[in-house]
Amino acid sequence: MSGPQTPEPALRIQGDAPTGARDEDAADGIQHSHRMLSFSDALLSIIATVMILPVTHTEISPEQVLGEPQSAVSRFDKSIQKLLATRIAVYLMTFLIVTVAWAAHTRLFQVVGKIDDTLALLNLACMMTITFLPFTFSLMVTFPEVPLGIFLFCMCVITIGAVQALIVVYAFHFPHLLNPQIESSAHRALYRQHILGIVLRGPALCFVAAGFSLFFYPLSYLLMAMVIFLPYVSKVSSWCKGRLVGPQEPPAHSMEFFTFDLHEPLSKERVEAFSDGVYAIVATLLILDICEDNVPDPRDVKEKFHGSLVAALSVYGPHFLAYFGSFATVGLLWFAHHSLFLHIRKATQSMGLLNTLSLAFVGGLPLAYQQTSAFARQPHDELESVRVSCAIIFLASIFQFAIWTTALLHEGETLQPSARFGGREHAFMFAKLALYPCASLLAFASTCFLSRFSTAIFHLMQIAVPFAFLLLRLLVRLGLALLCAMRGLTQPATQAEGDAHAPLLPAAC
């Protein structure tokens, strides 16, 4: 280690091994981790998404909000808004913490290339602890000022970190389980130390948060939020240190090429798998409310509707309309996400963060459905519900658009040629990703002027957007043809120069 070191190549996610190697590994009780990773991605996406259920299924009553019945409607409405905003904030924090655990799991199994029975069982123990998180979150939402929910949530995160640390120690104890490039490296001890430091820093913060929850719980929430942004704080501090101290010579055993770091791109395939899981679970959660709340009681059908099931179901007409509109919203947001990642070659760190934020608000769409279907009796409550739903849809879609704009900043690395500036799909992707942000923002603004028609405006948006998606390519082509014609009329002599200033226009113009 005293002599000059040659840089080692960056780690790569392993592909399928040759058939003979797989048979030999299976005989030794060793398998590749692809199926286990698929199972873990599915489970983590489910856990992250069902965090919204305590928010959507918690009853809000005047006694709960104000401590005693109140007749002042405005005070009651403000209290509802404050309580709902608090619950949504706690949901977003816990959703993002779960996605941090997923990202750490992704990095970890870029290092651990193969698994045996012990590693598979340790991973199951990690997943079992993660499945307990929704219960602790329910306690945090229902009893926000009682420290037990925060304490249990922090203990779960600590346990997850401890199990992941055991996976690291075990894998390095049996190097044949590691990525081949680490297995053959002379710096395995440094790798292990570096990985353990990254794996345990989040649980260390949660350990401190668990202690503070016993006597000052607001600081616990702050420390838990730091778990989410710790990698980015670390990156900013490194950048500031480099600016103040200046560039330094890397040590002989430098591991800057080491990819177990949130500064490096995530696996695009696992990002897509986790995202698909979130969208699928959100779409499924919508029907649970229909099955649970909108099946008439046999006694009511007999007594109130004279045995007519059709008449009983007609009462729930607005609920079914809200369900179909919400499912169409989830499906079209997934379609936009699918189209976006179809043109993405590499998911950078900032794109991963924006995707996580988009998924967090996608996970809030069952709340949007609950809001638009539960408060139809009181117009003012209905207005607030529609605005909340528009805000959730806007945020879910605008972060998708932000992924696109971020990819354009480094389009040579991140985008396929057809989606770059001037590419044949660039304008179409721009329009597809801008459709929902514009529609939801327009619906929200319309309710400010036409509050009496807030529900009609919202349902009109839900109906119009799918038809706009169907006609979008035709509309984009007509728009581009019109722009080409206008440019040809105004600047016929400088058409070649105009291409450099109008990257949205196709090359044919």
Protein backbone atom coordinates (compact mmCIF):
# COMPACT_ATOMS: atom_id res chain seq x y z
CA MET A 1 0.00 0.00 0.00
CA SER A 2 3.02 2.26 0.15
CA GLY A 3 3.59 2.31 -3.59
CA PRO A 4 1.47 4.05 -6.21
CA GLN A 5 -1.93 2.49 -6.68
CA THR A 6 -3.70 2.03 -9.96
CA PRO A 7 -7.34 3.06 -9.91
CA GLU A 8 -9.74 0.17 -9.78
CA PRO A 9 -12.76 0.22 -12.11
CA ALA A 10 -16.10 1.34 -10.76
CA LEU A 11 -18.44 -1.33 -9.50
CA ARG A 12 -21.08 -2.60 -11.87
CA ILE A 13 -24.31 -4.39 -11.21
CA GLN A 14 -23.77 -7.95 -12.14
CA GLY A 15 -25.71 -9.56 -14.93
CA ASP A 16 -26.72 -13.14 -15.27
CA ALA A 17 -23.92 -15.61 -14.78
CA PRO A 18 -23.23 -18.39 -17.29
CA THR A 19 -25.38 -21.50 -16.89
CA GLY A 20 -22.48 -23.65 -15.71
CA ALA A 21 -21.50 -21.14 -13.05
CA ARG A 22 -25.10 -20.91 -11.81
CA ASP A 23 -25.35 -24.69 -11.50
CA GLU A 24 -22.07 -24.84 -9.60
CA ASP A 25 -23.17 -22.06 -7.24
CA ALA A 26 -26.54 -23.74 -6.66
CA ALA A 27 -24.76 -26.94 -5.67
CA ASP A 28 -22.87 -24.94 -3.02
CA GLY A 29 -26.04 -23.28 -1.69
CA ILE A 30 -25.17 -19.93 -3.33
CA GLN A 31 -27.58 -18.03 -5.57
CA HIS A 32 -27.64 -14.75 -7.39
CA SER A 33 -29.70 -12.08 -5.68
CA HIS A 34 -31.99 -10.99 -8.54
CA ARG A 35 -35.19 -12.63 -7.31
CA MET A 36 -34.56 -11.58 -3.70
CA LEU A 37 -34.04 -7.99 -4.86
CA SER A 38 -37.31 -8.08 -6.81
CA PHE A 39 -39.09 -9.32 -3.70
CA SER A 40 -37.45 -6.62 -1.58
CA ASP A 41 -38.34 -3.87 -4.06
CA ALA A 42 -41.97 -5.00 -4.12
CA LEU A 43 -42.19 -5.14 -0.33
CA LEU A 44 -40.50 -1.76 0.18
CA SER A 45 -42.78 -0.09 -2.36
CA ILE A 46 -45.82 -1.53 -0.58
CA ILE A 47 -44.63 -0.37 2.84
CA ALA A 48 -43.80 3.12 1.56
CA THR A 49 -47.23 3.44 -0.05
CA VAL A 50 -49.45 2.10 2.75
CA MET A 51 -48.07 4.82 5.02
CA ILE A 52 -50.88 6.99 3.63
CA LEU A 53 -53.61 4.73 5.08
CA PRO A 54 -53.48 6.15 8.63
CA VAL A 55 -53.93 9.62 7.13
CA THR A 56 -56.91 8.66 4.97
CA HIS A 57 -58.67 6.47 7.54
CA THR A 58 -58.38 8.59 10.67
CA GLU A 59 -61.66 10.19 11.65
CA ILE A 60 -61.56 13.95 12.23
CA SER A 61 -64.09 15.15 14.76
CA PRO A 62 -64.54 18.48 16.54
CA GLU A 63 -63.68 16.83 19.87
CA GLN A 64 -60.39 15.50 18.47
CA VAL A 65 -59.43 18.76 16.83
CA LEU A 66 -60.41 21.31 19.45
CA GLY A 67 -60.70 19.27 22.60
CA GLU A 68 -64.36 20.15 22.94
CA PRO A 69 -67.32 20.82 20.57
CA GLN A 70 -67.15 24.23 18.88
CA SER A 71 -69.81 26.11 16.95
CA ALA A 72 -67.41 28.42 15.11
CA VAL A 73 -67.13 26.94 11.62
CA SER A 74 -64.08 28.97 10.62
CA ARG A 75 -62.11 27.87 13.67
CA PHE A 76 -63.08 24.27 13.03
CA ASP A 77 -62.00 24.48 9.37
CA LYS A 78 -58.64 25.98 10.29
CA SER A 79 -58.07 23.23 12.83
CA ILE A 80 -58.92 20.56 10.25
CA GLN A 81 -56.46 22.10 7.81
CA LYS A 82 -53.73 22.24 10.46
CA LEU A 83 -54.33 18.64 11.56
CA LEU A 84 -54.41 17.36 7.98
CA ALA A 85 -51.27 19.31 7.07
CA THR A 86 -49.45 17.86 10.09
CA ARG A 87 -50.40 14.32 9.16
CA ILE A 88 -49.38 14.82 5.53
CA ALA A 89 -46.02 16.23 6.67
CA VAL A 90 -45.37 13.24 8.92
CA TYR A 91 -46.40 10.90 6.08
CA LEU A 92 -43.98 12.57 3.65
CA MET A 93 -41.14 12.29 6.18
CA THR A 94 -41.73 8.60 6.85
CA PHE A 95 -42.21 7.84 3.13
CA LEU A 96 -38.86 9.46 2.38
CA ILE A 97 -37.17 7.55 5.22
CA VAL A 98 -38.43 4.28 3.72
CA THR A 99 -37.06 5.31 0.33
CA VAL A 100 -33.70 6.08 1.99
CA ALA A 101 -33.75 2.51 3.33
CA TRP A 102 -34.57 1.27 -0.18
CA ALA A 103 -31.67 3.26 -1.68
CA ALA A 104 -29.30 1.87 0.96
CA HIS A 105 -30.56 -1.64 0.16
CA THR A 106 -29.89 -0.99 -3.53
CA ARG A 107 -26.33 0.16 -2.82
CA LEU A 108 -25.71 -2.73 -0.45
CA PHE A 109 -26.59 -5.37 -3.02
CA GLN A 110 -24.40 -3.71 -5.61
CA VAL A 111 -21.60 -4.77 -3.27
CA VAL A 112 -23.03 -8.18 -2.31
CA GLY A 113 -23.22 -10.02 -5.62
CA LYS A 114 -24.40 -13.44 -4.39
CA ILE A 115 -26.38 -14.72 -1.45
CA ASP A 116 -26.56 -17.87 0.60
CA ASP A 117 -29.20 -19.05 3.07
CA THR A 118 -27.84 -16.91 5.90
CA LEU A 119 -27.89 -13.71 3.84
CA ALA A 120 -31.39 -14.50 2.58
CA LEU A 121 -32.62 -14.92 6.17
CA LEU A 122 -30.89 -11.71 7.27
CA ASN A 123 -32.59 -9.86 4.41
CA LEU A 124 -35.95 -11.33 5.51
CA ALA A 125 -35.28 -10.07 9.04
CA CYS A 126 -34.61 -6.62 7.59
CA MET A 127 -37.83 -6.75 5.56
CA MET A 128 -39.83 -7.93 8.59
CA THR A 129 -38.65 -4.90 10.56
CA ILE A 130 -39.56 -2.60 7.68
CA THR A 131 -43.10 -4.04 7.56
CA PHE A 132 -43.56 -2.88 11.18
CA LEU A 133 -43.02 0.78 10.20
CA PRO A 134 -46.67 1.50 9.18
CA PHE A 135 -47.85 0.53 12.68
CA THR A 136 -45.38 2.89 14.34
CA PHE A 137 -46.39 5.60 11.87
CA SER A 138 -50.06 5.08 12.80
CA LEU A 139 -49.11 5.71 16.43
CA MET A 140 -47.22 8.86 15.43
CA VAL A 141 -50.22 10.18 13.46
CA THR A 142 -52.85 9.32 16.06
CA PHE A 143 -50.78 10.43 19.06
CA PRO A 144 -48.35 13.05 17.71
CA GLU A 145 -47.39 14.35 21.16
CA VAL A 146 -46.87 10.94 22.77
CA PRO A 147 -43.22 9.82 22.48
CA LEU A 148 -43.92 6.08 22.19
CA GLY A 149 -44.72 6.19 18.44
CA ILE A 150 -41.57 8.19 17.65
CA PHE A 151 -39.48 5.93 19.89
CA LEU A 152 -40.74 2.73 18.23
CA PHE A 153 -40.24 4.18 14.73
CA CYS A 154 -36.65 5.11 15.59
CA MET A 155 -36.02 1.67 17.09
CA CYS A 156 -37.23 0.06 13.86
CA VAL A 157 -34.81 2.18 11.80
CA ILE A 158 -31.98 1.29 14.22
CA THR A 159 -32.82 -2.41 13.86
CA ILE A 160 -32.86 -2.13 10.07
CA GLY A 161 -29.41 -0.52 10.16
CA ALA A 162 -28.09 -3.19 12.52
CA VAL A 163 -29.32 -6.00 10.25
CA GLN A 164 -27.78 -4.32 7.20
CA ALA A 165 -24.50 -3.99 9.12
CA LEU A 166 -24.66 -7.73 9.88
CA ILE A 167 -25.14 -8.39 6.16
CA VAL A 168 -22.01 -6.33 5.42
CA VAL A 169 -19.91 -8.09 8.08
CA TYR A 170 -21.10 -11.54 6.98
CA ALA A 171 -20.51 -10.87 3.27
CA PHE A 172 -16.98 -9.59 3.90
CA HIS A 173 -16.27 -12.59 6.11
CA PHE A 174 -17.05 -14.80 3.09
CA PRO A 175 -15.55 -12.80 0.18
CA HIS A 176 -16.90 -15.16 -2.49
CA LEU A 177 -20.31 -13.53 -1.87
CA LEU A 178 -19.00 -10.09 -2.80
CA ASN A 179 -18.89 -8.33 -6.13
CA PRO A 180 -15.91 -9.86 -7.99
CA GLN A 181 -14.09 -6.52 -8.16
CA ILE A 182 -14.22 -6.11 -4.38
CA GLU A 183 -13.43 -9.78 -3.83
CA SER A 184 -10.18 -9.38 -5.76
CA SER A 185 -9.31 -5.99 -4.28
CA ALA A 186 -6.44 -5.49 -1.86
CA HIS A 187 -8.49 -2.95 0.11
CA ARG A 188 -11.39 -5.06 1.35
CA ALA A 189 -10.93 -3.87 4.92
CA LEU A 190 -11.21 -0.26 3.81
CA TYR A 191 -14.31 -1.09 1.79
CA ARG A 192 -15.93 -2.73 4.80
CA GLN A 193 -15.15 0.24 7.05
CA HIS A 194 -16.49 2.69 4.47
CA ILE A 195 -19.73 0.73 3.91
CA LEU A 196 -20.41 0.29 7.62
CA GLY A 197 -19.95 4.03 8.15
CA ILE A 198 -22.59 4.81 5.51
CA VAL A 199 -25.01 2.10 6.68
CA LEU A 200 -24.89 3.12 10.35
CA ARG A 201 -25.00 6.92 10.15
CA GLY A 202 -28.79 7.03 9.63
CA PRO A 203 -29.53 4.64 12.53
CA ALA A 204 -27.12 6.67 14.69
CA LEU A 205 -29.22 9.79 14.11
CA CYS A 206 -32.38 7.81 14.91
CA PHE A 207 -30.74 6.59 18.13
CA VAL A 208 -30.27 10.21 19.21
CA ALA A 209 -33.83 11.00 18.06
CA ALA A 210 -35.19 8.12 20.17
CA GLY A 211 -33.45 9.60 23.21
CA PHE A 212 -34.83 13.08 22.63
CA SER A 213 -38.34 11.70 22.06
CA LEU A 214 -38.56 10.93 25.76
CA PHE A 215 -38.37 14.59 26.82
CA PHE A 216 -38.39 16.89 23.72
CA TYR A 217 -40.13 15.24 20.77
CA PRO A 218 -39.95 18.18 18.27
CA LEU A 219 -36.18 17.73 18.09
CA SER A 220 -36.75 14.04 17.34
CA TYR A 221 -38.71 14.95 14.21
CA LEU A 222 -35.89 17.26 13.13
CA LEU A 223 -33.27 14.54 13.59
CA MET A 224 -35.42 12.04 11.70
CA ALA A 225 -35.74 14.52 8.83
CA MET A 226 -31.94 14.81 8.80
CA VAL A 227 -31.78 11.08 7.94
CA ILE A 228 -33.38 11.95 4.60
CA PHE A 229 -31.09 14.83 3.72
CA LEU A 230 -27.87 13.56 5.32
CA PRO A 231 -26.32 12.38 2.01
CA TYR A 232 -27.00 15.77 0.44
CA VAL A 233 -25.69 17.64 3.49
CA SER A 234 -22.57 15.50 3.25
CA LYS A 235 -22.16 16.38 -0.41
CA VAL A 236 -22.59 20.12 0.25
CA SER A 237 -20.11 20.02 3.14
CA SER A 238 -17.57 18.23 0.94
CA TRP A 239 -18.05 20.86 -1.75
CA CYS A 240 -17.61 23.70 0.78
CA LYS A 241 -14.51 22.04 2.20
CA GLY A 242 -13.07 21.76 -1.28
CA ARG A 243 -13.74 25.44 -1.89
CA LEU A 244 -12.18 26.55 1.38
CA VAL A 245 -9.20 24.21 1.57
CA GLY A 246 -8.67 23.67 -2.13
CA PRO A 247 -8.08 20.43 -4.02
CA GLN A 248 -6.05 17.87 -2.17
CA GLU A 249 -4.04 14.88 -3.31
CA PRO A 250 -6.10 11.71 -2.79
CA PRO A 251 -4.48 9.10 -0.53
CA ALA A 252 -2.92 6.01 -2.03
CA HIS A 253 -5.91 3.91 -1.04
CA SER A 254 -8.47 6.40 -2.38
CA MET A 255 -11.91 4.93 -2.96
CA GLU A 256 -13.46 7.80 -4.91
CA PHE A 257 -14.46 5.33 -7.58
CA PHE A 258 -16.39 3.31 -5.02
CA THR A 259 -20.09 3.30 -5.94
CA PHE A 260 -21.61 2.60 -2.51
CA ASP A 261 -22.37 6.29 -2.23
CA LEU A 262 -25.58 8.24 -2.74
CA HIS A 263 -23.65 10.68 -4.93
CA GLU A 264 -23.52 8.07 -7.70
CA PRO A 265 -26.38 7.06 -10.03
CA LEU A 266 -28.83 4.43 -8.87
CA SER A 267 -29.66 1.36 -10.88
CA LYS A 268 -32.24 2.52 -13.42
CA GLU A 269 -33.87 -0.91 -13.41
CA ARG A 270 -34.42 -0.89 -9.64
CA VAL A 271 -35.70 2.71 -9.75
CA GLU A 272 -38.26 1.61 -12.33
CA ALA A 273 -39.19 -1.51 -10.33
CA PHE A 274 -39.68 0.46 -7.10
CA SER A 275 -41.67 3.17 -8.91
CA ASP A 276 -43.90 0.63 -10.66
CA GLY A 277 -44.57 -0.97 -7.29
CA VAL A 278 -45.69 2.35 -5.78
CA TYR A 279 -48.01 3.11 -8.69
CA ALA A 280 -49.48 -0.41 -8.62
CA ILE A 281 -50.15 -0.30 -4.88
CA VAL A 282 -51.71 3.17 -5.07
CA ALA A 283 -54.02 2.02 -7.87
CA THR A 284 -54.99 -1.01 -5.76
CA LEU A 285 -55.59 0.97 -2.58
CA LEU A 286 -58.29 2.99 -4.33
CA ILE A 287 -60.60 -0.01 -4.70
CA LEU A 288 -60.23 -0.99 -1.02
CA ASP A 289 -62.29 2.01 0.03
CA ILE A 290 -64.97 1.04 -2.51
CA CYS A 291 -65.10 -2.52 -1.14
CA GLU A 292 -65.05 -1.39 2.48
CA ASP A 293 -67.30 1.67 2.51
CA ASN A 294 -69.61 1.38 -0.47
CA VAL A 295 -71.14 -2.08 -0.08
CA PRO A 296 -74.68 -1.52 1.29
CA ASP A 297 -75.79 -3.22 4.46
CA PRO A 298 -78.41 -5.91 3.72
CA ARG A 299 -80.70 -4.55 6.44
CA ASP A 300 -80.55 -1.03 4.97
CA VAL A 301 -81.26 -2.36 1.49
CA LYS A 302 -84.35 -4.13 2.75
CA GLU A 303 -85.67 -1.34 5.00
CA LYS A 304 -84.66 1.90 3.25
CA PHE A 305 -84.65 0.84 -0.40
CA HIS A 306 -87.38 -1.85 -0.33
CA GLY A 307 -84.97 -4.56 -1.38
CA SER A 308 -83.62 -2.71 -4.45
CA LEU A 309 -79.83 -3.10 -4.55
CA VAL A 310 -79.61 -0.81 -7.60
CA ALA A 311 -81.30 2.00 -5.66
CA ALA A 312 -78.95 1.44 -2.72
CA LEU A 313 -75.87 1.55 -4.94
CA SER A 314 -77.05 4.72 -6.68
CA VAL A 315 -76.48 6.59 -3.42
CA TYR A 316 -72.75 5.91 -3.82
CA GLY A 317 -72.63 7.28 -7.37
CA PRO A 318 -70.22 10.17 -6.51
CA HIS A 319 -67.88 7.67 -4.82
CA PHE A 320 -67.67 5.51 -7.94
CA LEU A 321 -67.11 8.59 -10.11
CA ALA A 322 -64.29 9.69 -7.80
CA TYR A 323 -62.78 6.19 -7.97
CA PHE A 324 -62.70 6.04 -11.77
CA GLY A 325 -61.28 9.55 -11.97
CA SER A 326 -58.61 8.78 -9.37
CA PHE A 327 -57.62 5.52 -11.07
CA ALA A 328 -57.32 7.32 -14.42
CA THR A 329 -55.07 9.91 -12.73
CA VAL A 330 -52.81 7.22 -11.23
CA GLY A 331 -52.68 5.30 -14.51
CA LEU A 332 -51.82 8.35 -16.60
CA LEU A 333 -49.16 9.52 -14.15
CA TRP A 334 -47.62 6.05 -14.40
CA PHE A 335 -47.83 6.27 -18.19
CA ALA A 336 -45.99 9.61 -18.14
CA HIS A 337 -43.39 8.12 -15.76
CA HIS A 338 -42.98 5.08 -18.02
CA SER A 339 -42.53 7.28 -21.09
CA LEU A 340 -40.02 9.45 -19.24
CA PHE A 341 -37.81 6.56 -18.12
CA LEU A 342 -38.09 4.97 -21.54
CA HIS A 343 -35.96 7.88 -22.78
CA ILE A 344 -33.65 8.03 -19.73
CA ARG A 345 -30.33 6.23 -19.98
CA LYS A 346 -29.03 6.90 -16.46
CA ALA A 347 -30.71 8.06 -13.24
CA THR A 348 -28.51 10.61 -11.46
CA GLN A 349 -28.63 11.48 -7.77
CA SER A 350 -30.78 14.58 -8.25
CA MET A 351 -33.14 12.70 -10.57
CA GLY A 352 -33.49 9.97 -7.94
CA LEU A 353 -34.41 12.55 -5.30
CA LEU A 354 -37.00 14.17 -7.57
CA ASN A 355 -38.44 10.75 -8.42
CA THR A 356 -38.76 9.98 -4.72
CA LEU A 357 -40.60 13.25 -4.09
CA SER A 358 -42.93 12.55 -7.01
CA LEU A 359 -43.67 9.06 -5.67
CA ALA A 360 -44.35 10.49 -2.21
CA PHE A 361 -47.16 12.63 -3.62
CA VAL A 362 -48.36 9.79 -5.84
CA GLY A 363 -48.72 7.85 -2.59
CA GLY A 364 -51.00 10.65 -1.40
CA LEU A 365 -53.49 10.11 -4.23
CA PRO A 366 -55.67 7.78 -2.09
CA LEU A 367 -56.04 10.79 0.21
CA ALA A 368 -57.15 12.83 -2.80
CA TYR A 369 -59.74 10.16 -3.61
CA GLN A 370 -60.90 10.10 0.00
CA GLN A 371 -61.22 13.87 0.03
CA THR A 372 -63.21 14.15 -3.21
CA SER A 373 -65.61 11.35 -2.26
CA ALA A 374 -66.21 11.97 1.46
CA PHE A 375 -67.17 15.64 1.77
CA ALA A 376 -69.85 16.00 -0.89
CA ARG A 377 -72.53 17.14 1.56
CA GLN A 378 -70.98 20.44 2.66
CA PRO A 379 -69.90 22.80 -0.14
CA HIS A 380 -67.13 24.49 1.82
CA ASP A 381 -65.56 21.22 2.87
CA GLU A 382 -65.90 20.07 -0.73
CA LEU A 383 -63.99 23.14 -1.95
CA GLU A 384 -61.12 22.50 0.44
CA SER A 385 -61.03 18.82 -0.55
CA VAL A 386 -60.85 19.65 -4.25
CA ARG A 387 -58.01 22.08 -3.63
CA VAL A 388 -56.09 19.50 -1.62
CA SER A 389 -56.57 16.97 -4.44
CA CYS A 390 -55.41 19.47 -7.09
CA ALA A 391 -52.33 20.28 -4.99
CA ILE A 392 -51.41 16.59 -4.61
CA ILE A 393 -51.78 15.92 -8.35
CA PHE A 394 -49.82 19.07 -9.20
CA LEU A 395 -46.91 18.16 -6.93
CA ALA A 396 -46.81 14.54 -8.10
CA SER A 397 -46.66 15.65 -11.74
CA ILE A 398 -44.44 18.71 -11.40
CA PHE A 399 -41.68 16.59 -9.85
CA GLN A 400 -41.94 14.30 -12.90
CA PHE A 401 -41.45 17.38 -15.07
CA ALA A 402 -38.50 18.38 -12.87
CA ILE A 403 -36.88 14.98 -13.54
CA TRP A 404 -37.17 15.74 -17.26
CA THR A 405 -35.67 19.23 -16.97
CA THR A 406 -32.86 17.93 -14.76
CA ALA A 407 -32.08 15.23 -17.31
CA LEU A 408 -31.92 17.89 -20.03
CA LEU A 409 -29.12 19.67 -18.14
CA HIS A 410 -26.88 16.63 -18.79
CA GLU A 411 -28.74 15.23 -21.79
CA GLY A 412 -25.62 13.68 -23.32
CA GLU A 413 -25.31 11.30 -20.36
CA THR A 414 -28.90 10.91 -19.21
CA LEU A 415 -31.19 10.95 -22.27
CA GLN A 416 -31.62 8.97 -25.45
CA PRO A 417 -30.82 11.01 -28.61
CA SER A 418 -34.48 11.17 -29.70
CA ALA A 419 -35.49 12.96 -26.47
CA ARG A 420 -32.75 15.60 -26.46
CA PHE A 421 -33.16 19.17 -27.68
CA GLY A 422 -34.15 19.02 -31.33
CA GLY A 423 -34.95 15.28 -31.18
CA ARG A 424 -38.13 13.95 -32.74
CA GLU A 425 -39.62 13.02 -29.31
CA HIS A 426 -38.51 16.11 -27.39
CA ALA A 427 -41.58 18.28 -27.96
CA PHE A 428 -43.96 15.35 -27.38
CA MET A 429 -42.32 14.46 -24.04
CA PHE A 430 -42.39 18.12 -23.02
CA ALA A 431 -46.13 18.29 -23.69
CA LYS A 432 -46.86 14.93 -22.06
CA LEU A 433 -45.07 15.83 -18.83
CA ALA A 434 -46.49 19.37 -18.72
CA LEU A 435 -50.12 18.27 -19.21
CA TYR A 436 -51.01 17.30 -15.63
CA PRO A 437 -49.19 20.21 -13.93
CA CYS A 438 -50.99 22.68 -16.19
CA ALA A 439 -54.40 20.97 -15.84
CA SER A 440 -54.25 20.68 -12.03
CA LEU A 441 -52.97 24.25 -11.65
CA LEU A 442 -55.76 25.52 -13.92
CA ALA A 443 -58.37 23.56 -11.95
CA PHE A 444 -57.03 24.93 -8.65
CA ALA A 445 -57.08 28.50 -9.96
CA SER A 446 -60.61 28.03 -11.34
CA THR A 447 -61.94 27.01 -7.92
CA CYS A 448 -60.73 30.34 -6.55
CA PHE A 449 -63.12 32.19 -8.88
CA LEU A 450 -65.85 29.57 -9.32
CA SER A 451 -65.95 27.97 -5.89
CA ARG A 452 -69.59 26.89 -6.28
CA PHE A 453 -68.57 24.62 -9.16
CA SER A 454 -65.40 23.21 -7.60
CA THR A 455 -66.47 19.55 -7.86
CA ALA A 456 -67.62 19.94 -11.47
CA ILE A 457 -64.31 21.61 -12.36
CA PHE A 458 -62.29 18.83 -10.74
CA HIS A 459 -64.26 16.03 -12.41
CA LEU A 460 -64.05 17.86 -15.74
CA MET A 461 -60.27 17.89 -15.38
CA GLN A 462 -60.24 14.15 -14.61
CA ILE A 463 -62.33 13.45 -17.73
CA ALA A 464 -60.58 15.89 -20.07
CA VAL A 465 -56.97 14.90 -19.34
CA PRO A 466 -57.29 11.27 -20.61
CA PHE A 467 -58.78 12.54 -23.88
CA ALA A 468 -55.98 15.10 -24.09
CA PHE A 469 -53.46 12.26 -23.73
CA LEU A 470 -55.12 10.41 -26.62
CA LEU A 471 -54.95 13.47 -28.87
CA LEU A 472 -51.65 14.80 -27.55
CA ARG A 473 -49.37 13.57 -30.32
CA LEU A 474 -51.71 14.96 -32.98
CA LEU A 475 -51.95 18.29 -31.16
CA VAL A 476 -48.18 18.50 -30.77
CA ARG A 477 -47.66 17.78 -34.46
CA LEU A 478 -50.21 20.42 -35.43
CA GLY A 479 -48.56 22.91 -33.06
CA LEU A 480 -45.09 22.21 -34.43
CA ALA A 481 -46.34 22.45 -38.00
CA LEU A 482 -47.90 25.80 -37.18
CA LEU A 483 -44.66 27.03 -35.60
CA CYS A 484 -42.68 25.83 -38.62
CA ALA A 485 -45.07 27.65 -40.94
CA MET A 486 -44.89 30.85 -38.91
CA ARG A 487 -41.12 30.72 -38.81
CA GLY A 488 -40.98 30.09 -42.54
CA LEU A 489 -43.13 33.17 -43.17
CA THR A 490 -41.23 35.50 -40.84
CA GLN A 491 -37.65 34.38 -41.47
CA PRO A 492 -37.42 32.47 -44.75
CA ALA A 493 -33.86 33.57 -45.38
CA THR A 494 -32.47 32.61 -41.99
CA GLN A 495 -34.07 29.22 -41.49
CA ALA A 496 -30.81 27.44 -40.79
CA GLU A 497 -29.86 29.95 -38.13
CA GLY A 498 -33.27 29.70 -36.53
CA ASP A 499 -32.79 26.01 -35.76
CA ALA A 500 -30.13 26.87 -33.22
CA HIS A 501 -32.56 29.18 -31.38
CA ALA A 502 -35.64 26.93 -31.50
CA PRO A 503 -34.65 23.56 -30.06
CA LEU A 504 -38.27 22.54 -29.57
CA LEU A 505 -38.85 22.50 -33.31
CA PRO A 506 -38.17 19.28 -35.23
CA ALA A 507 -35.23 19.03 -37.55
CA ALA A 508 -37.56 18.96 -40.54
CA CYS A 509 -38.32 22.65 -39.97
